[in-house]
Amino acid sequence: MESYVVCRQRIFARESVDKLIMKNAKKKFALHLTIRILTVAALVIIGLSIGKPYYFPFFTTQKWDAPTNYSKSTDGADVIIDKGRTRVTISTSEDQDHITGVIGKVSGSGQTTLGQAAMTDGRYVYIVSLNKRGNTTAIASESVLKYDMQGNYIGVVAKKTWPEKEIHASPVIRDLYLNKAGQLEFILADGKQISFCHVNDKQEITAYKTVTIPDGTVFRCDENDSLGQLEIVTISGDIYTYDGETLTHDYTNTGAHLFNYAARGDDGKIYASDHNNGEICTVSSSGEVETLIASAYTEFLTPIKGGVVYGDESDGALPRGFI
């Protein structure tokens, strides 16, 4: 009887060991399979991201660093260019207090950097990418790139290529906006000429209307979509308004102010950033200037529905200064 019991114990022990070995083998197999799946997924993601100008989105309350452009959709989503035009941050309408997507500087083949303009319609983000010619600072072409609201790259929607004999050291695509039909349009500024453009079936940016300012070189222009008016600032600090038909010279620089940004609010007033005095002013149609905000060395003024937004490069806060 004793030998029988001992035998059964040995059999039971062997079965327990076999079960443990089988269980461990299944765990090892599952672990190895998981590692292989994750490795393959990582390689696929890396392969898809090579040459693609985006970073993985993350959720953060990180401060902005010297914002230079701001766009707000009708549903409240934010898109901001900052860090010396090397980053675009996205905040969706559902979470306006956090960065929900990031688009960064492109590295790799060629010299590709962010341009001057960005906008969002709440569903997608559109930015301008500058493609340099060789190892020079000359811009060979400008592309309009499309992303989702998490900063994932979708593709090129439009492109403007410059002939080799044309030397452009600064961005020419100055503004992106949606027309009344909800189609993406572009404002190009080159020297004294401003072009209103759309994109054809070949993804080429073509002009359908041009306007030429009589004096100076265009430095900045901003479209107020709700009013259909374009504010233009020259390098010398003059301000013009174009309403689609008439070009009006609103302000001539006399030396007292040097305006570098101008935008028209929905209230019809012209707001301008005075670079020399660090002020935000209103400019009347007769050229009269009134200081509105002092000590505001702004990096941009952008018209949005309801008013004008300004951003201060020094505080690093979300640029929601609202006029």
Protein backbone atom coordinates (compact mmCIF):
# COMPACT_ATOMS: atom_id res chain seq x y z
CA MET A 1 0.00 0.00 0.00
CA GLU A 2 2.80 2.33 0.85
CA SER A 3 4.50 1.76 -2.47
CA TYR A 4 1.22 2.49 -4.24
CA VAL A 5 0.85 5.80 -2.44
CA VAL A 6 4.43 6.76 -3.18
CA CYS A 7 3.89 5.88 -6.82
CA ARG A 8 0.75 8.02 -7.02
CA GLN A 9 2.55 10.93 -5.41
CA ARG A 10 5.36 10.66 -7.95
CA ILE A 11 2.88 10.54 -10.81
CA PHE A 12 1.00 13.54 -9.41
CA ALA A 13 4.25 15.45 -8.95
CA ARG A 14 5.31 14.66 -12.52
CA GLU A 15 1.94 15.77 -13.86
CA SER A 16 2.20 19.01 -11.87
CA VAL A 17 5.70 19.64 -13.24
CA ASP A 18 4.48 18.92 -16.79
CA LYS A 19 1.57 21.32 -16.35
CA LEU A 20 3.90 24.01 -14.98
CA ILE A 21 6.32 23.51 -17.88
CA MET A 22 3.42 23.74 -20.37
CA LYS A 23 2.07 26.87 -18.65
CA ASN A 24 5.46 28.55 -18.73
CA ALA A 25 5.92 27.56 -22.36
CA LYS A 26 2.59 29.18 -23.24
CA LYS A 27 3.60 32.34 -21.37
CA LYS A 28 6.96 32.47 -23.19
CA PHE A 29 5.23 31.92 -26.53
CA ALA A 30 2.73 34.72 -25.79
CA LEU A 31 5.55 37.03 -24.67
CA HIS A 32 7.65 36.31 -27.78
CA LEU A 33 4.60 36.76 -30.00
CA THR A 34 3.78 40.09 -28.33
CA ILE A 35 7.38 41.28 -28.75
CA ARG A 36 7.35 40.30 -32.42
CA ILE A 37 4.03 42.09 -33.03
CA LEU A 38 5.25 45.25 -31.28
CA THR A 39 8.55 45.12 -33.19
CA VAL A 40 6.76 44.79 -36.52
CA ALA A 41 4.36 47.61 -35.57
CA ALA A 42 7.28 49.86 -34.57
CA LEU A 43 9.09 49.14 -37.82
CA VAL A 44 5.94 49.91 -39.81
CA ILE A 45 5.44 53.20 -37.95
CA ILE A 46 9.09 54.17 -38.44
CA GLY A 47 8.89 53.25 -42.11
CA LEU A 48 5.74 55.31 -42.61
CA SER A 49 7.18 58.28 -40.73
CA ILE A 50 10.42 58.57 -42.69
CA GLY A 51 10.28 61.87 -44.53
CA LYS A 52 6.88 62.71 -43.06
CA PRO A 53 6.79 66.10 -41.30
CA TYR A 54 5.05 65.20 -38.07
CA TYR A 55 5.67 64.10 -34.54
CA PHE A 56 3.50 61.79 -32.47
CA PRO A 57 0.73 63.76 -30.77
CA PHE A 58 0.79 64.20 -27.04
CA PHE A 59 -1.40 65.86 -24.46
CA THR A 60 0.32 68.56 -22.47
CA THR A 61 -0.10 72.03 -21.05
CA GLN A 62 3.35 72.99 -22.32
CA LYS A 63 3.85 76.72 -22.79
CA TRP A 64 4.17 78.23 -26.22
CA ASP A 65 7.50 79.70 -27.23
CA ALA A 66 7.35 82.97 -29.20
CA PRO A 67 4.16 82.34 -31.21
CA THR A 68 4.24 83.89 -34.68
CA ASN A 69 0.90 82.86 -36.18
CA TYR A 70 -2.53 81.93 -34.88
CA SER A 71 -5.63 80.42 -36.47
CA LYS A 72 -8.96 79.57 -34.91
CA SER A 73 -11.75 77.58 -36.53
CA THR A 74 -15.42 78.43 -36.19
CA ASP A 75 -15.85 75.54 -33.73
CA GLY A 76 -13.02 76.77 -31.49
CA ALA A 77 -9.99 74.67 -32.51
CA ASP A 78 -6.61 76.42 -32.27
CA VAL A 79 -3.51 76.19 -34.45
CA ILE A 80 -0.37 78.09 -33.49
CA ILE A 81 3.05 78.42 -35.12
CA ASP A 82 5.80 78.99 -32.57
CA LYS A 83 9.45 78.29 -31.69
CA GLY A 84 10.81 80.51 -34.43
CA ARG A 85 8.58 78.89 -37.06
CA THR A 86 9.78 75.37 -36.27
CA ARG A 87 6.64 73.95 -34.62
CA VAL A 88 2.87 73.94 -35.04
CA THR A 89 0.69 73.08 -32.05
CA ILE A 90 -2.95 72.01 -32.27
CA SER A 91 -5.74 72.22 -29.70
CA THR A 92 -9.07 70.68 -30.64
CA SER A 93 -12.39 72.35 -29.89
CA GLU A 94 -13.07 69.67 -27.27
CA ASP A 95 -9.83 70.37 -25.36
CA GLN A 96 -8.69 73.95 -25.91
CA ASP A 97 -6.50 74.04 -22.80
CA HIS A 98 -4.10 71.32 -23.95
CA ILE A 99 -1.86 70.66 -26.93
CA THR A 100 -3.45 67.66 -28.61
CA GLY A 101 -1.19 67.48 -31.65
CA VAL A 102 2.23 68.70 -32.75
CA ILE A 103 3.72 69.22 -36.19
CA GLY A 104 7.46 69.81 -36.12
CA LYS A 105 10.32 70.77 -38.38
CA VAL A 106 11.06 68.35 -41.16
CA SER A 107 14.47 66.70 -41.12
CA GLY A 108 16.15 64.38 -43.54
CA SER A 109 16.48 64.91 -47.27
CA GLY A 110 16.66 68.50 -48.46
CA GLN A 111 16.00 71.62 -46.40
CA THR A 112 12.34 71.86 -45.52
CA THR A 113 11.02 74.23 -42.88
CA LEU A 114 7.67 75.63 -41.83
CA GLY A 115 6.38 78.64 -43.72
CA GLN A 116 4.50 81.65 -42.50
CA ALA A 117 0.87 80.54 -42.72
CA ALA A 118 -1.28 77.90 -41.00
CA MET A 119 -5.02 77.46 -40.56
CA THR A 120 -7.63 74.97 -39.40
CA ASP A 121 -11.26 74.36 -40.26
CA GLY A 122 -11.74 72.25 -37.12
CA ARG A 123 -11.42 68.98 -39.05
CA TYR A 124 -8.00 69.39 -40.64
CA VAL A 125 -4.90 71.54 -40.28
CA TYR A 126 -3.17 73.16 -43.25
CA ILE A 127 0.37 74.52 -43.06
CA VAL A 128 2.89 75.91 -45.54
CA SER A 129 6.22 74.12 -45.97
CA LEU A 130 9.26 75.83 -47.51
CA ASN A 131 11.56 73.75 -49.67
CA LYS A 132 15.02 75.27 -50.01
CA ARG A 133 17.13 75.09 -53.16
CA GLY A 134 20.16 72.88 -52.40
CA ASN A 135 22.24 74.20 -49.52
CA THR A 136 21.18 77.81 -50.10
CA THR A 137 18.61 79.97 -48.32
CA ALA A 138 16.68 80.47 -51.56
CA ILE A 139 13.18 79.00 -51.58
CA ALA A 140 12.65 76.58 -54.47
CA SER A 141 8.98 75.84 -53.75
CA GLU A 142 6.24 76.16 -51.16
CA SER A 143 3.83 73.32 -50.39
CA VAL A 144 0.54 73.35 -48.52
CA LEU A 145 0.38 70.23 -46.33
CA LYS A 146 -2.68 68.65 -44.76
CA TYR A 147 -2.86 67.00 -41.31
CA ASP A 148 -5.56 65.68 -39.02
CA MET A 149 -6.29 67.32 -35.67
CA GLN A 150 -3.81 65.04 -33.88
CA GLY A 151 -0.94 66.21 -36.09
CA ASN A 152 -0.80 63.12 -38.34
CA TYR A 153 0.38 63.85 -41.86
CA ILE A 154 -2.18 63.25 -44.64
CA GLY A 155 -0.59 64.67 -47.80
CA VAL A 156 0.18 67.61 -50.08
CA VAL A 157 -2.86 69.57 -51.27
CA ALA A 158 -1.13 72.34 -53.24
CA LYS A 159 2.29 73.47 -54.38
CA LYS A 160 3.94 76.56 -55.85
CA THR A 161 7.30 76.03 -57.56
CA TRP A 162 9.48 78.99 -58.44
CA PRO A 163 11.63 79.13 -61.60
CA GLU A 164 15.34 78.83 -60.86
CA LYS A 165 15.97 82.40 -62.04
CA GLU A 166 13.51 83.75 -59.43
CA ILE A 167 15.19 84.18 -56.06
CA HIS A 168 12.88 84.15 -53.04
CA ALA A 169 14.46 84.44 -49.60
CA SER A 170 11.15 84.93 -47.74
CA PRO A 171 7.86 83.00 -47.84
CA VAL A 172 5.46 84.12 -50.57
CA ILE A 173 2.34 82.28 -49.39
CA ARG A 174 1.20 84.67 -46.66
CA ASP A 175 -2.28 83.50 -45.71
CA LEU A 176 -4.64 80.52 -45.99
CA TYR A 177 -8.41 80.80 -45.68
CA LEU A 178 -11.68 79.16 -46.68
CA ASN A 179 -13.85 80.95 -49.22
CA LYS A 180 -17.64 81.15 -48.93
CA ALA A 181 -17.94 77.77 -50.67
CA GLY A 182 -15.69 76.19 -48.03
CA GLN A 183 -12.78 75.78 -50.45
CA LEU A 184 -9.17 76.44 -49.46
CA GLU A 185 -7.66 79.57 -50.99
CA PHE A 186 -4.30 81.30 -50.69
CA ILE A 187 -2.89 84.81 -50.58
CA LEU A 188 0.55 85.28 -52.10
CA ALA A 189 2.64 88.44 -51.73
CA ASP A 190 5.71 89.10 -53.83
CA GLY A 191 7.18 92.59 -53.84
CA LYS A 192 4.34 95.03 -54.49
CA GLN A 193 1.96 92.42 -55.89
CA ILE A 194 -0.63 90.44 -53.95
CA SER A 195 -2.30 87.45 -55.61
CA PHE A 196 -5.52 85.70 -54.63
CA CYS A 197 -5.13 82.05 -55.60
CA HIS A 198 -6.84 78.69 -55.68
CA VAL A 199 -5.56 75.21 -56.55
CA ASN A 200 -6.23 73.39 -59.84
CA ASP A 201 -6.64 69.67 -60.55
CA LYS A 202 -2.85 69.28 -60.74
CA GLN A 203 -2.41 70.70 -57.22
CA GLU A 204 -0.86 73.85 -58.69
CA ILE A 205 -1.51 77.20 -57.02
CA THR A 206 -2.82 79.62 -59.64
CA ALA A 207 -3.90 83.26 -59.31
CA TYR A 208 -7.40 84.39 -60.24
CA LYS A 209 -6.98 87.99 -59.05
CA THR A 210 -4.04 90.32 -58.38
CA VAL A 211 -3.69 93.73 -56.77
CA THR A 212 -0.58 95.94 -56.70
CA ILE A 213 0.21 98.44 -53.96
CA PRO A 214 1.66 101.70 -55.34
CA ASP A 215 4.57 102.06 -52.91
CA GLY A 216 6.67 99.77 -50.74
CA THR A 217 7.04 96.03 -50.40
CA VAL A 218 4.41 93.83 -48.75
CA PHE A 219 5.55 92.59 -45.34
CA ARG A 220 2.39 91.03 -43.94
CA CYS A 221 -1.25 90.56 -44.90
CA ASP A 222 -4.23 89.14 -43.01
CA GLU A 223 -7.67 88.31 -44.34
CA ASN A 224 -10.77 88.90 -42.24
CA ASP A 225 -12.95 86.09 -43.62
CA SER A 226 -16.20 87.37 -42.15
CA LEU A 227 -15.76 90.88 -43.59
CA GLY A 228 -13.91 89.90 -46.76
CA GLN A 229 -11.24 92.56 -46.17
CA LEU A 230 -7.49 92.17 -46.42
CA GLU A 231 -5.14 94.26 -44.28
CA ILE A 232 -1.70 94.86 -45.78
CA VAL A 233 1.42 96.16 -44.02
CA THR A 234 4.51 97.19 -45.99
CA ILE A 235 8.10 96.87 -44.86
CA SER A 236 8.15 100.66 -44.33
CA GLY A 237 5.13 100.44 -42.00
CA ASP A 238 2.33 101.73 -44.25
CA ILE A 239 -1.13 100.14 -43.99
CA TYR A 240 -3.49 99.34 -46.89
CA THR A 241 -6.94 97.75 -47.01
CA TYR A 242 -8.30 95.77 -49.95
CA ASP A 243 -12.01 94.93 -49.89
CA GLY A 244 -12.04 92.84 -53.06
CA GLU A 245 -12.49 95.82 -55.37
CA THR A 246 -10.85 98.92 -53.91
CA LEU A 247 -7.36 99.40 -52.45
CA THR A 248 -7.29 102.04 -49.70
CA HIS A 249 -4.13 103.61 -48.25
CA ASP A 250 -5.09 103.91 -44.57
CA TYR A 251 -1.81 104.97 -42.98
CA THR A 252 1.48 106.44 -44.14
CA ASN A 253 4.47 105.98 -41.85
CA THR A 254 5.62 109.39 -40.62
CA GLY A 255 8.19 108.05 -38.17
CA ALA A 256 6.04 108.19 -35.04
CA HIS A 257 4.97 104.56 -35.48
CA LEU A 258 6.39 101.56 -37.28
CA PHE A 259 3.60 99.06 -37.75
CA ASN A 260 4.59 95.47 -38.52
CA TYR A 261 1.20 93.74 -38.19
CA ALA A 262 -2.32 94.91 -38.93
CA ALA A 263 -5.70 93.18 -38.77
CA ARG A 264 -9.30 94.31 -39.11
CA GLY A 265 -11.63 93.28 -36.34
CA ASP A 266 -15.26 92.37 -36.83
CA ASP A 267 -16.08 95.78 -35.38
CA GLY A 268 -14.60 97.30 -38.55
CA LYS A 269 -11.61 98.88 -36.79
CA ILE A 270 -8.00 98.44 -37.94
CA TYR A 271 -5.71 97.15 -35.19
CA ALA A 272 -1.97 97.51 -35.67
CA SER A 273 1.13 96.45 -33.77
CA ASP A 274 3.68 99.24 -33.33
CA HIS A 275 7.13 97.62 -33.33
CA ASN A 276 9.00 100.77 -32.31
CA ASN A 277 6.87 101.70 -29.30
CA GLY A 278 5.68 98.24 -28.25
CA GLU A 279 2.00 99.14 -28.53
CA ILE A 280 -1.21 97.90 -30.09
CA CYS A 281 -3.08 100.75 -31.68
CA THR A 282 -6.23 101.45 -33.62
CA VAL A 283 -5.88 103.22 -36.95
CA SER A 284 -8.81 105.17 -38.37
CA SER A 285 -9.59 105.44 -42.08
CA SER A 286 -8.20 108.99 -41.94
CA GLY A 287 -4.88 107.77 -40.52
CA GLU A 288 -5.42 108.78 -36.89
CA VAL A 289 -3.63 106.50 -34.40
CA GLU A 290 -4.84 105.74 -30.88
CA THR A 291 -2.87 103.60 -28.41
CA LEU A 292 -4.96 100.72 -27.10
CA ILE A 293 -2.48 98.49 -25.25
CA ALA A 294 0.99 99.55 -24.11
CA SER A 295 4.00 97.28 -23.55
CA ALA A 296 2.83 94.69 -26.07
CA TYR A 297 5.71 93.58 -28.26
CA THR A 298 3.51 91.29 -30.27
CA GLU A 299 4.60 88.70 -32.79
CA PHE A 300 1.29 88.71 -34.64
CA LEU A 301 -2.21 90.14 -34.89
CA THR A 302 -4.82 87.79 -36.33
CA PRO A 303 -8.47 88.53 -37.08
CA ILE A 304 -10.87 85.85 -35.81
CA LYS A 305 -14.62 85.79 -35.49
CA GLY A 306 -15.56 88.38 -32.91
CA GLY A 307 -12.36 90.41 -32.84
CA VAL A 308 -8.58 90.28 -33.06
CA VAL A 309 -6.12 88.00 -31.25
CA TYR A 310 -2.61 89.10 -30.38
CA GLY A 311 0.35 87.09 -29.08
CA ASP A 312 3.17 88.26 -26.84
CA GLU A 313 6.42 86.41 -27.47
CA SER A 314 7.71 86.98 -23.94
CA ASP A 315 5.11 85.30 -21.72
CA GLY A 316 4.88 81.97 -23.54
CA ALA A 317 1.19 81.70 -22.74
CA LEU A 318 -1.51 80.57 -25.12
CA PRO A 319 -2.10 83.61 -27.35
CA ARG A 320 -5.67 84.41 -26.45
CA GLY A 321 -5.23 88.10 -25.88
CA PHE A 322 -8.56 89.26 -27.29
CA ILE A 323 -9.50 92.71 -28.47
